[in-house]
Protein backbone atom coordinates (compact mmCIF):
# COMPACT_ATOMS: atom_id res chain seq x y z
CA MET A 1 -57.79 3.37 -4.84
CA GLN A 2 -59.41 -0.20 -4.84
CA ALA A 3 -58.78 -2.72 -7.97
CA GLU A 4 -61.68 -3.39 -9.79
CA PRO A 5 -63.42 -6.48 -8.80
CA ASN A 6 -62.47 -8.50 -12.34
CA THR A 7 -58.90 -7.20 -12.38
CA VAL A 8 -56.00 -9.20 -12.20
CA ARG A 9 -53.40 -7.48 -9.71
CA LYS A 10 -49.75 -7.82 -11.06
CA ILE A 11 -46.63 -6.77 -9.55
CA ARG A 12 -43.68 -5.13 -12.04
CA LEU A 13 -40.58 -6.51 -11.59
CA THR A 14 -38.57 -3.87 -13.77
CA GLU A 15 -37.01 -1.91 -10.72
CA LEU A 16 -35.96 -4.49 -9.31
CA LYS A 17 -34.65 -6.17 -12.21
CA LYS A 18 -32.72 -2.68 -13.15
CA PHE A 19 -31.20 -2.83 -9.26
CA ALA A 20 -30.05 -6.38 -9.53
CA LEU A 21 -28.07 -5.93 -12.74
CA GLU A 22 -26.68 -2.69 -11.01
CA LYS A 23 -25.76 -3.62 -7.68
CA ILE A 24 -26.28 -7.65 -7.10
CA PRO A 25 -23.27 -9.57 -7.87
CA ALA A 26 -23.17 -11.93 -10.39
CA GLY A 27 -24.54 -15.18 -8.78
CA ALA A 28 -27.64 -17.40 -7.64
CA LEU A 29 -30.06 -14.51 -6.17
CA ARG A 30 -29.38 -12.17 -9.28
CA GLU A 31 -29.83 -14.69 -12.01
CA ASP A 32 -33.09 -16.18 -10.50
CA ILE A 33 -34.24 -11.87 -10.28
CA LEU A 34 -33.22 -11.52 -13.61
CA SER A 35 -35.40 -14.88 -14.95
CA GLN A 36 -38.54 -13.75 -13.49
CA PRO A 37 -41.11 -12.41 -15.73
CA ASP A 38 -41.28 -8.42 -15.98
CA GLU A 39 -44.74 -8.96 -14.13
CA ILE A 40 -45.86 -11.52 -11.64
CA PRO A 41 -49.15 -12.21 -9.05
CA PRO A 42 -48.72 -10.72 -5.76
CA GLU A 43 -48.74 -14.40 -4.43
CA GLU A 44 -45.94 -15.42 -6.20
CA PHE A 45 -43.55 -12.40 -5.32
CA LEU A 46 -44.13 -12.77 -1.74
CA ALA A 47 -43.09 -16.66 -2.61
CA ASN A 48 -40.00 -15.36 -4.69
CA CYS A 49 -39.39 -13.07 -1.77
CA ARG A 50 -39.02 -15.62 0.82
CA VAL A 51 -36.34 -17.13 -1.93
CA TRP A 52 -34.34 -14.11 -2.76
CA GLN A 53 -33.86 -13.75 1.45
CA ARG A 54 -32.25 -16.82 1.72
CA LEU A 55 -30.08 -16.53 -1.18
CA ALA A 56 -29.16 -13.37 -0.07
CA ARG A 57 -27.99 -14.85 3.09
CA THR A 58 -25.86 -17.38 1.56
CA SER A 59 -23.88 -15.00 -1.00
């Protein structure tokens, strides 16, 4: 399946946020995930993943 040339692709974070609420203990990682918009561009998602990895290591 290919995206339309003019379509802006977004990553939905609703399931990740649900996971954060249910499984991640209170702290910086959880708060950062929950503070994100429900949909973000793929590039922003990848940048956030790097931050989340670092936060997960320090938790």
